[in-house]
Protein backbone atom coordinates (compact mmCIF):
# COMPACT_ATOMS: atom_id res chain seq x y z
CA UNK A 1 86.56 108.47 109.11
CA UNK A 2 89.69 108.92 111.18
CA UNK A 3 90.77 106.38 112.95
CA UNK A 4 91.28 105.28 109.56
CA UNK A 5 94.91 104.44 108.16
CA UNK A 6 96.52 102.73 104.92
CA UNK A 7 99.28 101.69 104.05
CA UNK A 8 101.57 101.46 101.12
CA UNK A 9 104.58 99.67 100.33
CA UNK A 10 107.63 98.99 97.36
CA UNK A 11 109.46 97.32 99.79
CA UNK A 12 111.81 100.28 100.46
CA UNK A 13 109.13 102.59 102.26
CA UNK A 14 105.80 102.38 103.00
CA UNK A 15 103.94 105.28 103.06
CA UNK A 16 100.94 105.34 105.35
CA UNK A 17 97.88 107.77 105.13
CA UNK A 18 96.05 108.79 107.91
CA UNK A 19 92.80 110.96 105.81
CA UNK A 20 91.41 112.27 108.67
CA UNK A 21 94.81 113.86 109.05
CA UNK A 22 94.04 114.92 105.61
CA UNK A 23 94.17 119.04 105.18
CA UNK A 24 93.97 118.97 101.17
CA UNK A 25 96.48 120.91 100.35
CA UNK A 26 97.04 119.06 97.09
CA UNK A 27 100.98 118.84 97.72
CA UNK A 28 101.60 115.44 96.67
CA UNK A 29 99.66 114.96 93.99
CA UNK A 30 101.10 118.24 92.69
CA UNK A 31 104.64 117.78 93.45
CA UNK A 32 104.36 113.83 92.28
CA UNK A 33 101.17 113.14 90.30
CA UNK A 34 102.95 109.68 88.69
CA UNK A 35 102.65 108.80 92.77
CA UNK A 36 99.61 110.04 94.09
CA UNK A 37 96.12 111.03 91.89
CA UNK A 38 93.52 110.76 93.70
CA UNK A 39 91.54 110.43 89.92
CA UNK A 40 92.35 106.90 90.69
CA UNK A 41 92.11 103.72 93.23
CA UNK A 42 93.86 103.59 94.99
CA UNK A 43 95.25 106.99 94.64
CA UNK A 44 98.79 106.84 96.29
CA UNK A 45 101.22 104.20 93.54
CA UNK A 46 104.08 103.29 95.41
CA UNK A 47 105.48 101.78 92.47
CA UNK A 48 105.02 104.74 89.96
CA UNK A 49 109.27 107.04 91.07
CA UNK A 50 111.91 106.07 92.91
CA UNK A 51 111.93 105.69 96.55
CA UNK A 52 113.42 108.12 97.34
CA UNK A 53 111.03 110.82 95.13
CA UNK A 54 108.29 109.29 97.28
CA UNK A 55 110.18 110.31 100.13
CA UNK A 56 110.87 113.54 99.70
CA UNK A 57 107.37 114.43 98.49
CA UNK A 58 106.23 113.00 101.62
CA UNK A 59 108.23 114.94 103.79
CA UNK A 60 106.29 117.97 101.87
CA UNK A 61 102.93 116.87 103.50
CA UNK A 62 101.60 119.88 105.99
CA UNK A 63 98.97 118.28 107.55
CA UNK A 64 100.86 114.79 108.58
CA UNK A 65 98.36 112.79 106.85
CA UNK A 66 101.20 111.01 104.45
CA UNK A 67 104.55 109.97 106.38
CA UNK A 68 106.77 107.33 105.67
CA UNK A 69 107.84 103.85 107.38
CA UNK A 70 110.84 102.40 105.66
CA UNK A 71 111.42 99.11 105.15
CA UNK A 72 114.72 97.53 106.20
CA UNK A 73 115.03 99.96 109.21
CA UNK A 74 111.44 99.90 111.40
CA UNK A 75 111.73 103.76 111.44
CA UNK A 76 108.87 106.29 110.54
CA UNK A 77 109.76 109.71 109.13
């Protein structure tokens, strides 16, 4: 499972999820449950909030399992 990488894009940014790195801190869904909902499939819905809120919440991921790729710049945060 450590090699799995999932990508979820809203056109402005892509949320990259590496489940093998996830520490299950619950920061993501406790902070932005509209986007990160472990009870749904897929559990990440990047259309459920604005881009800046998604970026801010992903930056709080302590394990690095979640990261951001900006579509227009190609850079990764």
